[in-house]
């Protein structure tokens, strides 16, 4: 093997008298360590793998070192993905690649548990132990696309840890993109960049994008990322979108202390409790933190959590914007037991993403949808009920749908705008194509007598009192000013904000519907300019 490889390189060296090659083709017959080293040492940009379904490996006792910019890719048009692994004679090598410079890998299988290896812990590792080599070049980009990461358990022990992409210490990367990839059978986190806090690095990447990826049988988080604890520094740009997670650990994404993290268009199904001694990670599925971070358009089905777990299993904390459009429908996989996660044409996952994109890894969204999205925008305080129930953002195409506007207490429905117009409530639409509707609500305040200008501020006793479930509160505003009317419970906690805006001089009344509250004593307080007054009322159900 080595003789053949030496002859091949000799031919390249002869050719280099005239021109240095920018790429080389390598079959699986050659020692892959020699191929990688040749590219790094001779400035070859791209290493093409040309054996369909070939096994590229080495018996060398060192991982493959990427110390110069390099692209490793399946040859375009190759039928059958090549596999890269490591067959070190010492059975001590932990990773396939140790990356310290710009690196792109495209269209290959990275197999940590192949029959020719002892069992690897990492597929791609950047950063080292203390004083370890090679040192990472600051700002290097890592691009991973169209790859499969599978069977990473150290020494092939299913109780041992394993990772797909792992950043240790001394890493300050540029852009890291992981797109159109599959991670399966991983003994810990699939993607881990969580050493920032431990080793005092301001940030490990400028940006991390994980898009159109599928994760199955992951023992801990699919993505675990830490920023530093200093919120005054600029954090990395994080975008995690169109991910499908199936039969994996409860904890899917955990991002700590990173501002402006975006998580969207995710499907999570058939969860199981975390493995590998990660019992402390079973209290929620997704969490992002810090300002500007949000989670939106996520579908979950058949989830499992620890007996004591967070009330919000998908949440945003420490000033993050929050979580919205969280669904719980069956995505209708073709054959989930055999990991065929293709979406049926009738799946509500079609069009239920941000801007009516599809949910989950788009590589599974291959059928022509038989659903239609109905998008509802709420202007004011209230909500809209659908009959039949909307799944995700969609209905089966052609469905006749009744929409009912339900104003919050103190508000009234005004009109429909967009593809539905008018004031009918309820109203009926047919789900055909994309339908955009706005429901408009306004404060239900009426002026009793504009001609009688009040000479004093006043807050009157509600009527009726006791009441069930509605009552009217009337008050007078002496001078134009910002006015609030708030309902509190007996512990002084705000339960309803009835009014919060600039009000003209006049006499007013407002209806309060307490249908969602339990029986008991409540207080209502008005504030307008320097005027403050509080009264008590009783709800009897």
Protein backbone atom coordinates (compact mmCIF):
# COMPACT_ATOMS: atom_id res chain seq x y z
CA UNK A 1 0.00 0.00 0.00
CA UNK A 2 2.66 2.48 1.06
CA UNK A 3 4.71 1.68 -2.08
CA UNK A 4 1.75 2.45 -4.31
CA UNK A 5 1.07 5.64 -2.43
CA UNK A 6 4.73 6.69 -2.71
CA UNK A 7 4.56 6.13 -6.47
CA UNK A 8 1.43 8.24 -6.68
CA UNK A 9 3.08 11.11 -4.82
CA UNK A 10 6.17 10.79 -7.00
CA UNK A 11 3.99 11.39 -10.04
CA UNK A 12 2.57 14.49 -8.32
CA UNK A 13 6.06 15.73 -7.53
CA UNK A 14 7.18 15.29 -11.14
CA UNK A 15 4.12 17.21 -12.23
CA UNK A 16 4.85 19.91 -9.70
CA UNK A 17 7.92 20.94 -11.72
CA UNK A 18 5.38 22.57 -13.97
CA UNK A 19 2.44 23.21 -11.59
CA UNK A 20 1.63 22.42 -7.97
CA UNK A 21 -1.63 20.42 -7.85
CA UNK A 22 -4.50 22.12 -6.02
CA UNK A 23 -6.35 18.81 -5.53
CA UNK A 24 -5.65 15.12 -5.54
CA UNK A 25 -7.85 12.04 -5.92
CA UNK A 26 -7.32 9.20 -3.47
CA UNK A 27 -8.83 5.73 -3.44
CA UNK A 28 -9.45 3.72 -0.30
CA UNK A 29 -6.43 1.53 -1.09
CA UNK A 30 -4.07 4.18 0.21
CA UNK A 31 -3.13 4.98 3.80
CA UNK A 32 -5.32 7.97 4.57
CA UNK A 33 -2.86 9.44 7.06
CA UNK A 34 -0.28 9.75 4.29
CA UNK A 35 -2.83 11.36 2.00
CA UNK A 36 -3.79 13.99 4.60
CA UNK A 37 -0.15 14.68 5.50
CA UNK A 38 0.80 15.09 1.85
CA UNK A 39 -1.93 17.70 1.33
CA UNK A 40 -1.00 19.63 4.47
CA UNK A 41 2.73 19.59 3.75
CA UNK A 42 2.45 20.47 0.07
CA UNK A 43 -0.30 23.07 0.07
CA UNK A 44 -2.89 20.91 -1.70
CA UNK A 45 -6.31 22.52 -1.19
CA UNK A 46 -8.66 19.60 -1.75
CA UNK A 47 -8.52 15.87 -1.13
CA UNK A 48 -11.14 13.96 -3.13
CA UNK A 49 -12.25 10.50 -2.05
CA UNK A 50 -13.02 8.44 -5.14
CA UNK A 51 -13.92 4.93 -3.93
CA UNK A 52 -17.70 4.42 -3.66
CA UNK A 53 -18.49 3.10 -0.17
CA UNK A 54 -14.75 2.95 0.48
CA UNK A 55 -13.22 2.75 3.99
CA UNK A 56 -10.53 5.41 4.43
CA UNK A 57 -8.38 4.75 7.49
CA UNK A 58 -4.87 4.37 8.84
CA UNK A 59 -3.03 2.24 11.38
CA UNK A 60 -0.93 5.23 12.42
CA UNK A 61 -0.95 6.11 16.12
CA UNK A 62 -1.88 9.79 15.60
CA UNK A 63 -5.19 11.36 14.66
CA UNK A 64 -5.48 13.17 11.30
CA UNK A 65 -4.09 16.67 11.90
CA UNK A 66 -5.54 19.61 9.97
CA UNK A 67 -2.87 22.27 10.47
CA UNK A 68 -3.27 23.95 7.06
CA UNK A 69 -6.46 24.82 5.14
CA UNK A 70 -7.94 21.67 3.62
CA UNK A 71 -11.13 20.41 2.00
CA UNK A 72 -11.90 16.69 2.21
CA UNK A 73 -14.83 15.68 0.03
CA UNK A 74 -16.42 12.80 -1.78
CA UNK A 75 -15.70 13.15 -5.47
CA UNK A 76 -18.68 14.87 -7.15
CA UNK A 77 -20.96 12.25 -8.67
CA UNK A 78 -19.60 9.44 -6.51
CA UNK A 79 -22.17 6.68 -5.97
CA UNK A 80 -21.98 5.50 -2.37
CA UNK A 81 -20.63 7.64 0.48
CA UNK A 82 -17.04 6.92 1.54
CA UNK A 83 -16.35 6.30 5.24
CA UNK A 84 -13.49 7.80 7.27
CA UNK A 85 -12.39 6.20 10.54
CA UNK A 86 -9.14 5.42 12.38
CA UNK A 87 -7.51 2.02 12.97
CA UNK A 88 -4.56 2.95 15.17
CA UNK A 89 -2.34 0.05 16.24
CA UNK A 90 -2.18 1.39 19.81
CA UNK A 91 -5.99 1.52 20.21
CA UNK A 92 -5.54 4.83 22.02
CA UNK A 93 -6.43 7.48 19.44
CA UNK A 94 -9.61 9.26 20.59
CA UNK A 95 -10.57 11.31 17.53
CA UNK A 96 -10.65 11.04 13.77
CA UNK A 97 -9.72 14.69 13.06
CA UNK A 98 -7.88 17.23 15.22
CA UNK A 99 -8.63 20.56 13.51
CA UNK A 100 -6.42 23.63 13.92
CA UNK A 101 -7.04 25.55 10.68
CA UNK A 102 -9.69 26.14 8.01
CA UNK A 103 -11.39 22.82 7.34
CA UNK A 104 -14.26 21.69 5.13
CA UNK A 105 -15.57 18.14 4.99
CA UNK A 106 -18.32 17.21 2.55
CA UNK A 107 -20.23 14.07 1.69
CA UNK A 108 -18.57 11.45 3.91
CA UNK A 109 -19.47 9.11 6.76
CA UNK A 110 -17.50 9.59 9.96
CA UNK A 111 -17.77 6.28 11.82
CA UNK A 112 -16.42 5.94 15.36
CA UNK A 113 -17.51 2.33 15.78
CA UNK A 114 -16.58 0.73 12.46
CA UNK A 115 -15.27 -2.81 12.52
CA UNK A 116 -11.73 -1.65 11.73
CA UNK A 117 -11.47 0.68 14.75
CA UNK A 118 -11.28 0.16 18.51
CA UNK A 119 -14.00 2.77 19.17
CA UNK A 120 -13.47 6.50 18.90
CA UNK A 121 -14.72 9.28 21.17
CA UNK A 122 -14.67 12.25 18.76
CA UNK A 123 -15.29 12.71 15.06
CA UNK A 124 -14.02 16.29 14.75
CA UNK A 125 -12.22 17.91 17.64
CA UNK A 126 -10.86 21.45 17.80
CA UNK A 127 -8.72 22.55 20.69
CA UNK A 128 -6.52 20.58 23.01
CA UNK A 129 -5.59 19.60 26.48
CA UNK A 130 -3.11 21.86 28.21
CA UNK A 131 0.04 22.50 26.13
CA UNK A 132 -1.18 20.01 23.52
CA UNK A 133 -0.47 20.22 19.79
CA UNK A 134 -1.54 21.51 17.30
CA UNK A 135 -2.52 25.03 18.40
CA UNK A 136 -5.73 26.32 16.83
CA UNK A 137 -5.35 29.21 14.39
CA UNK A 138 -7.61 32.06 15.54
CA UNK A 139 -10.49 32.81 13.16
CA UNK A 140 -10.38 29.50 11.29
CA UNK A 141 -13.62 28.41 9.64
CA UNK A 142 -15.02 24.89 9.91
CA UNK A 143 -17.62 23.78 7.38
CA UNK A 144 -19.31 20.39 7.67
CA UNK A 145 -21.96 19.46 5.12
CA UNK A 146 -23.73 16.40 3.76
CA UNK A 147 -22.04 14.14 6.31
CA UNK A 148 -23.11 11.30 8.61
CA UNK A 149 -21.68 11.05 12.13
CA UNK A 150 -22.32 7.65 13.67
CA UNK A 151 -21.36 5.27 16.49
CA UNK A 152 -19.21 7.46 18.71
CA UNK A 153 -18.74 5.66 22.02
CA UNK A 154 -15.24 5.42 23.43
CA UNK A 155 -13.91 1.88 23.08
CA UNK A 156 -17.31 0.89 21.64
CA UNK A 157 -18.70 0.92 25.18
CA UNK A 158 -22.27 2.21 25.06
CA UNK A 159 -21.83 3.57 28.59
CA UNK A 160 -18.88 5.73 27.50
CA UNK A 161 -19.05 9.23 26.07
CA UNK A 162 -18.79 10.20 22.44
CA UNK A 163 -19.20 13.39 20.40
CA UNK A 164 -19.65 14.43 16.79
CA UNK A 165 -18.14 17.93 16.93
CA UNK A 166 -16.27 18.96 20.09
CA UNK A 167 -14.42 22.16 20.98
CA UNK A 168 -12.06 21.91 23.92
CA UNK A 169 -9.75 24.78 24.96
CA UNK A 170 -7.68 27.38 23.10
CA UNK A 171 -10.26 27.71 20.32
CA UNK A 172 -11.42 31.03 18.87
CA UNK A 173 -12.96 30.07 15.54
CA UNK A 174 -14.57 32.14 12.82
CA UNK A 175 -17.66 30.64 11.18
CA UNK A 176 -18.72 27.09 11.98
CA UNK A 177 -21.45 25.69 9.72
CA UNK A 178 -22.98 22.24 10.05
CA UNK A 179 -25.57 21.66 7.35
CA UNK A 180 -27.44 18.71 5.85
CA UNK A 181 -25.86 16.30 8.31
CA UNK A 182 -27.07 13.27 10.26
CA UNK A 183 -25.92 12.41 13.78
CA UNK A 184 -26.82 8.97 15.12
CA UNK A 185 -25.69 6.79 18.01
CA UNK A 186 -23.66 9.36 19.95
CA UNK A 187 -22.65 8.67 23.58
CA UNK A 188 -22.97 12.24 24.87
CA UNK A 189 -23.52 15.62 23.17
CA UNK A 190 -23.55 15.54 19.37
CA UNK A 191 -22.21 19.12 19.14
CA UNK A 192 -20.43 20.54 22.20
CA UNK A 193 -18.84 23.96 22.55
CA UNK A 194 -19.12 24.42 26.27
CA UNK A 195 -15.63 25.06 27.58
CA UNK A 196 -15.80 28.88 27.33
CA UNK A 197 -16.92 29.35 30.90
CA UNK A 198 -14.41 26.85 32.26
CA UNK A 199 -11.31 28.24 30.57
CA UNK A 200 -11.98 31.97 30.46
CA UNK A 201 -12.37 32.42 26.69
CA UNK A 202 -14.58 35.35 25.63
CA UNK A 203 -16.17 33.32 22.84
CA UNK A 204 -15.24 30.19 20.91
CA UNK A 205 -16.80 31.15 17.54
CA UNK A 206 -17.93 34.24 15.69
CA UNK A 207 -20.94 32.29 14.43
CA UNK A 208 -22.37 28.79 14.68
CA UNK A 209 -25.03 27.70 12.22
CA UNK A 210 -26.64 24.27 12.47
CA UNK A 211 -29.24 23.79 9.76
CA UNK A 212 -31.11 20.91 8.12
CA UNK A 213 -29.76 18.21 10.40
CA UNK A 214 -31.23 15.04 11.89
CA UNK A 215 -30.30 13.59 15.28
CA UNK A 216 -31.23 10.06 16.42
CA UNK A 217 -30.18 8.17 19.53
CA UNK A 218 -28.16 11.00 21.09
CA UNK A 219 -27.44 10.36 24.80
CA UNK A 220 -27.31 14.03 25.88
CA UNK A 221 -27.89 17.35 24.10
CA UNK A 222 -27.83 17.55 20.34
CA UNK A 223 -26.29 21.01 20.84
CA UNK A 224 -24.65 22.32 24.04
CA UNK A 225 -23.09 25.79 23.87
CA UNK A 226 -21.73 28.18 26.50
CA UNK A 227 -20.90 31.85 26.13
CA UNK A 228 -18.88 33.67 28.76
CA UNK A 229 -20.71 35.13 31.75
CA UNK A 230 -19.88 38.76 30.82
CA UNK A 231 -22.97 40.16 29.08
CA UNK A 232 -21.10 43.35 28.09
CA UNK A 233 -19.00 41.45 25.54
CA UNK A 234 -20.21 40.53 22.06
CA UNK A 235 -21.50 36.98 21.89
CA UNK A 236 -21.48 34.59 18.96
CA UNK A 237 -24.25 34.57 16.37
CA UNK A 238 -26.11 31.28 16.83
CA UNK A 239 -28.73 29.95 14.43
CA UNK A 240 -30.26 26.51 14.87
CA UNK A 241 -33.03 25.85 12.39
CA UNK A 242 -34.83 23.00 10.64
CA UNK A 243 -33.67 20.21 12.92
CA UNK A 244 -35.33 16.82 13.36
CA UNK A 245 -34.65 15.02 16.65
CA UNK A 246 -35.96 11.47 17.16
CA UNK A 247 -35.49 8.88 19.90
CA UNK A 248 -32.89 11.01 21.64
CA UNK A 249 -32.34 12.45 25.09
CA UNK A 250 -34.86 14.77 26.74
CA UNK A 251 -32.44 17.72 26.68
CA UNK A 252 -32.06 18.73 23.03
CA UNK A 253 -30.56 22.25 23.01
CA UNK A 254 -28.95 24.14 25.87
CA UNK A 255 -27.38 27.54 25.22
CA UNK A 256 -25.97 29.30 28.26
CA UNK A 257 -25.40 33.08 28.52
CA UNK A 258 -25.40 33.74 24.76
CA UNK A 259 -27.26 36.78 23.46
CA UNK A 260 -29.25 36.71 20.20
CA UNK A 261 -29.55 32.94 19.83
CA UNK A 262 -32.20 31.88 17.30
CA UNK A 263 -33.86 28.45 17.53
CA UNK A 264 -36.66 27.77 15.07
CA UNK A 265 -38.48 25.19 12.96
CA UNK A 266 -37.67 22.13 15.09
CA UNK A 267 -39.36 18.71 15.43
CA UNK A 268 -38.67 16.59 18.53
CA UNK A 269 -40.30 13.15 18.83
CA UNK A 270 -40.16 10.03 21.01
CA UNK A 271 -37.72 11.37 23.58
CA UNK A 272 -35.99 9.25 26.21
CA UNK A 273 -34.20 10.17 29.39
CA UNK A 274 -30.56 11.21 29.07
CA UNK A 275 -27.91 8.52 29.28
CA UNK A 276 -24.26 8.49 30.30
CA UNK A 277 -24.87 9.73 33.86
CA UNK A 278 -26.76 12.83 32.67
CA UNK A 279 -29.78 12.45 34.93
CA UNK A 280 -29.58 16.16 35.81
CA UNK A 281 -30.50 17.05 32.23
CA UNK A 282 -34.04 15.69 32.11
CA UNK A 283 -35.99 18.76 33.25
CA UNK A 284 -36.58 20.49 29.89
CA UNK A 285 -36.00 20.13 26.16
CA UNK A 286 -34.75 23.53 24.97
CA UNK A 287 -33.39 26.52 26.84
CA UNK A 288 -31.83 29.74 25.53
CA UNK A 289 -30.65 32.68 27.62
CA UNK A 290 -29.96 36.42 27.51
CA UNK A 291 -31.47 39.28 25.52
CA UNK A 292 -32.44 38.82 21.91
CA UNK A 293 -32.60 35.02 22.20
CA UNK A 294 -35.77 33.18 21.28
CA UNK A 295 -37.29 29.80 20.47
CA UNK A 296 -40.13 29.59 18.01
CA UNK A 297 -42.09 27.11 15.88
CA UNK A 298 -41.25 23.84 17.62
CA UNK A 299 -43.28 20.63 17.49
CA UNK A 300 -42.93 17.97 20.18
CA UNK A 301 -44.54 14.53 20.50
CA UNK A 302 -44.10 11.69 23.00
CA UNK A 303 -41.77 13.55 25.33
CA UNK A 304 -40.47 12.25 28.66
CA UNK A 305 -39.09 14.26 31.60
CA UNK A 306 -37.88 13.70 35.13
CA UNK A 307 -40.59 13.42 37.78
CA UNK A 308 -39.73 16.96 38.90
CA UNK A 309 -39.20 19.14 35.84
CA UNK A 310 -39.63 22.68 34.57
CA UNK A 311 -43.19 23.84 33.97
CA UNK A 312 -42.03 25.29 30.65
CA UNK A 313 -40.07 22.53 28.96
CA UNK A 314 -39.16 24.87 26.11
CA UNK A 315 -38.08 28.15 27.64
CA UNK A 316 -36.09 31.35 27.43
CA UNK A 317 -34.48 32.80 30.57
CA UNK A 318 -32.26 35.64 31.80
CA UNK A 319 -33.98 38.27 29.65
CA UNK A 320 -34.44 36.23 26.46
CA UNK A 321 -37.46 37.13 24.32
CA UNK A 322 -39.29 33.86 24.97
CA UNK A 323 -40.78 30.83 23.30
CA UNK A 324 -43.72 31.00 20.89
CA UNK A 325 -45.68 28.78 18.53
CA UNK A 326 -44.93 25.58 20.42
CA UNK A 327 -46.99 22.72 18.95
CA UNK A 328 -47.79 19.15 19.95
CA UNK A 329 -48.94 17.29 16.85
CA UNK A 330 -47.97 14.05 15.14
CA UNK A 331 -45.59 14.95 12.29
CA UNK A 332 -46.67 11.78 10.45
CA UNK A 333 -43.35 10.11 9.67
CA UNK A 334 -43.28 7.42 6.98
CA UNK A 335 -41.69 4.75 9.21
CA UNK A 336 -40.37 6.15 12.47
CA UNK A 337 -39.40 2.75 13.90
CA UNK A 338 -36.97 2.27 11.03
CA UNK A 339 -35.85 5.92 11.05
CA UNK A 340 -37.59 6.88 7.84
CA UNK A 341 -38.70 10.33 8.96
CA UNK A 342 -40.14 11.45 5.62
CA UNK A 343 -43.17 13.67 6.23
CA UNK A 344 -46.48 12.46 4.83
CA UNK A 345 -48.16 14.85 2.41
CA UNK A 346 -50.80 15.54 5.08
CA UNK A 347 -48.27 16.37 7.82
CA UNK A 348 -48.98 19.59 9.75
CA UNK A 349 -45.20 20.13 9.77
CA UNK A 350 -45.51 21.52 6.26
CA UNK A 351 -45.94 25.33 6.40
CA UNK A 352 -45.86 25.46 10.24
CA UNK A 353 -42.44 27.10 10.43
CA UNK A 354 -41.43 30.74 10.52
CA UNK A 355 -42.85 32.49 7.43
CA UNK A 356 -44.61 29.21 6.61
CA UNK A 357 -41.41 27.31 6.03
CA UNK A 358 -41.56 23.61 6.85
CA UNK A 359 -40.57 22.23 10.25
CA UNK A 360 -37.67 19.85 10.76
CA UNK A 361 -34.81 18.76 8.54
CA UNK A 362 -35.98 19.76 5.05
CA UNK A 363 -34.41 16.64 3.57
CA UNK A 364 -37.45 14.78 4.96
CA UNK A 365 -39.95 17.27 3.47
CA UNK A 366 -40.11 15.69 0.03
CA UNK A 367 -43.85 15.19 -0.55
CA UNK A 368 -46.21 17.73 -2.07
CA UNK A 369 -48.22 19.05 0.90
CA UNK A 370 -51.99 18.62 1.02
CA UNK A 371 -52.29 21.23 3.79
CA UNK A 372 -52.84 24.98 3.76
CA UNK A 373 -51.54 27.50 6.31
CA UNK A 374 -53.86 29.91 8.08
CA UNK A 375 -51.85 32.65 9.78
CA UNK A 376 -53.48 34.71 12.52
CA UNK A 377 -52.16 38.05 13.80
CA UNK A 378 -53.65 39.53 16.97
CA UNK A 379 -53.88 43.34 17.10
CA UNK A 380 -54.80 44.29 20.65
CA UNK A 381 -55.66 41.99 23.56
CA UNK A 382 -57.54 38.82 22.76
CA UNK A 383 -57.27 35.48 20.98
CA UNK A 384 -58.89 33.53 18.19
CA UNK A 385 -60.40 30.07 18.46
CA UNK A 386 -60.51 27.71 15.46
CA UNK A 387 -63.10 25.04 14.74
CA UNK A 388 -61.93 22.46 13.78
CA UNK A 389 -58.68 22.85 15.72
CA UNK A 390 -55.70 24.16 13.81
CA UNK A 391 -52.69 21.79 13.87
CA UNK A 392 -49.50 23.75 13.78
CA UNK A 393 -50.40 26.62 11.48
CA UNK A 394 -52.36 24.46 9.02
CA UNK A 395 -55.56 22.73 8.04
CA UNK A 396 -56.15 20.05 5.40
CA UNK A 397 -56.65 21.97 2.16
CA UNK A 398 -60.31 22.69 1.49
CA UNK A 399 -61.37 22.60 5.16
CA UNK A 400 -64.19 24.96 6.16
CA UNK A 401 -62.98 26.73 9.31
CA UNK A 402 -64.94 28.81 11.82
CA UNK A 403 -62.88 31.53 13.50
CA UNK A 404 -64.13 33.15 16.71
CA UNK A 405 -62.54 36.27 18.17
CA UNK A 406 -62.41 36.18 22.00
CA UNK A 407 -61.44 39.53 23.55
CA UNK A 408 -59.62 39.73 26.84
CA UNK A 409 -61.43 41.30 29.77
CA UNK A 410 -61.92 45.01 29.14
CA UNK A 411 -61.47 44.66 25.37
CA UNK A 412 -63.85 44.25 22.49
CA UNK A 413 -63.53 42.71 19.04
CA UNK A 414 -63.55 45.36 16.28
CA UNK A 415 -62.95 43.69 12.89
CA UNK A 416 -61.13 41.19 10.70
CA UNK A 417 -58.46 42.37 8.27
CA UNK A 418 -56.41 40.70 5.53
CA UNK A 419 -57.86 37.74 3.63
CA UNK A 420 -60.93 37.89 5.89
CA UNK A 421 -62.68 41.24 6.28
CA UNK A 422 -65.72 42.49 8.15
CA UNK A 423 -67.11 42.38 11.66
CA UNK A 424 -68.92 39.02 11.68
CA UNK A 425 -67.93 37.04 14.74
CA UNK A 426 -67.77 34.07 14.40
CA UNK A 427 -66.78 34.05 10.73
CA UNK A 428 -66.08 31.27 8.26
CA UNK A 429 -63.16 30.77 5.87
CA UNK A 430 -62.01 27.96 3.59
CA UNK A 431 -58.38 26.86 4.00
CA UNK A 432 -57.12 27.07 0.45
CA UNK A 433 -53.58 28.19 -0.20
CA UNK A 434 -52.03 30.63 2.23
CA UNK A 435 -54.53 32.68 4.30
CA UNK A 436 -53.44 35.71 6.36
CA UNK A 437 -55.90 37.18 8.86
CA UNK A 438 -55.66 39.91 11.51
CA UNK A 439 -58.09 40.09 14.43
CA UNK A 440 -58.39 43.62 15.81
CA UNK A 441 -59.28 44.22 19.47
CA UNK A 442 -59.63 47.54 21.28
CA UNK A 443 -60.28 48.65 24.83
CA UNK A 444 -64.00 48.47 25.57
CA UNK A 445 -64.28 51.94 27.13
CA UNK A 446 -67.35 54.13 26.67
CA UNK A 447 -67.79 57.82 27.49
CA UNK A 448 -71.03 58.37 29.41
CA UNK A 449 -71.35 62.11 28.91
CA UNK A 450 -68.78 64.23 27.09
CA UNK A 451 -70.91 67.34 27.72
CA UNK A 452 -70.58 66.92 31.47
CA UNK A 453 -66.94 67.54 32.24
CA UNK A 454 -66.06 66.12 35.66
CA UNK A 455 -64.75 68.55 38.24
CA UNK A 456 -63.06 65.81 40.30
CA UNK A 457 -61.37 62.48 39.79
CA UNK A 458 -63.43 59.54 41.02
CA UNK A 459 -63.55 55.75 41.07
CA UNK A 460 -66.98 54.28 41.66
CA UNK A 461 -67.94 50.98 43.22
CA UNK A 462 -68.28 48.28 40.60
CA UNK A 463 -71.78 47.11 39.71
CA UNK A 464 -73.01 44.52 40.28
CA UNK A 465 -71.04 43.55 43.37
CA UNK A 466 -70.76 40.68 44.19
CA UNK A 467 -70.65 39.60 40.54
CA UNK A 468 -70.38 36.51 38.34
CA UNK A 469 -68.56 36.65 36.01
CA UNK A 470 -68.85 40.25 34.71
CA UNK A 471 -69.11 43.65 36.34
CA UNK A 472 -68.84 47.29 35.27
CA UNK A 473 -66.33 49.74 36.70
CA UNK A 474 -66.96 53.46 36.16
CA UNK A 475 -64.63 56.36 36.80
CA UNK A 476 -64.08 60.05 36.01
CA UNK A 477 -60.96 61.74 34.66
CA UNK A 478 -60.61 65.42 35.58
CA UNK A 479 -57.63 66.20 33.35
CA UNK A 480 -56.17 64.52 30.29
CA UNK A 481 -53.35 62.18 31.29
CA UNK A 482 -51.93 58.70 31.24
CA UNK A 483 -54.33 56.37 33.05
CA UNK A 484 -54.13 52.78 34.26
CA UNK A 485 -56.76 50.50 35.76
CA UNK A 486 -55.42 47.30 37.31
CA UNK A 487 -57.03 44.30 39.06
CA UNK A 488 -55.12 42.73 41.98
CA UNK A 489 -55.74 39.63 44.08
CA UNK A 490 -55.74 39.67 47.89
CA UNK A 491 -51.95 39.11 47.93
CA UNK A 492 -51.40 42.23 45.84
CA UNK A 493 -50.48 40.36 42.67
CA UNK A 494 -51.58 41.87 39.38
CA UNK A 495 -54.08 39.60 37.64
CA UNK A 496 -55.50 41.83 34.88
CA UNK A 497 -54.54 45.11 33.25
CA UNK A 498 -57.79 46.69 32.08
CA UNK A 499 -56.49 50.06 30.98
CA UNK A 500 -53.08 51.54 30.28
CA UNK A 501 -53.10 54.55 27.94
CA UNK A 502 -53.57 58.31 27.56
CA UNK A 503 -57.16 59.30 28.41
CA UNK A 504 -59.05 62.54 27.77
CA UNK A 505 -61.15 64.33 30.39
CA UNK A 506 -64.49 62.54 30.75
CA UNK A 507 -66.68 59.97 32.47
CA UNK A 508 -65.95 56.35 31.57
CA UNK A 509 -67.09 52.83 32.21
CA UNK A 510 -65.34 49.57 31.45
CA UNK A 511 -66.52 45.97 31.59
CA UNK A 512 -64.48 43.41 33.52
CA UNK A 513 -65.00 39.72 32.73
CA UNK A 514 -63.52 37.47 35.44
CA UNK A 515 -64.43 34.18 33.81
CA UNK A 516 -60.84 32.87 34.14
CA UNK A 517 -60.51 33.78 37.84
CA UNK A 518 -61.57 31.87 40.93
CA UNK A 519 -64.06 33.15 43.54
CA UNK A 520 -62.75 35.58 46.09
CA UNK A 521 -61.90 39.15 47.01
CA UNK A 522 -60.18 41.33 44.41
CA UNK A 523 -59.09 44.97 44.33
CA UNK A 524 -59.16 47.43 41.45
CA UNK A 525 -56.93 50.50 41.39
CA UNK A 526 -56.92 53.53 39.12
CA UNK A 527 -53.96 55.85 38.58
CA UNK A 528 -54.33 59.03 36.54
CA UNK A 529 -51.87 61.90 36.86
CA UNK A 530 -51.56 62.31 40.66
CA UNK A 531 -54.87 60.58 41.40
CA UNK A 532 -54.78 57.06 42.90
CA UNK A 533 -57.74 55.19 44.37
CA UNK A 534 -58.43 51.54 45.19
CA UNK A 535 -61.70 49.70 45.82
CA UNK A 536 -62.65 46.14 46.75
CA UNK A 537 -64.99 43.79 44.89
CA UNK A 538 -66.14 40.18 45.31
CA UNK A 539 -66.37 37.45 42.68
CA UNK A 540 -68.86 34.68 43.55
CA UNK A 541 -69.08 31.67 41.25
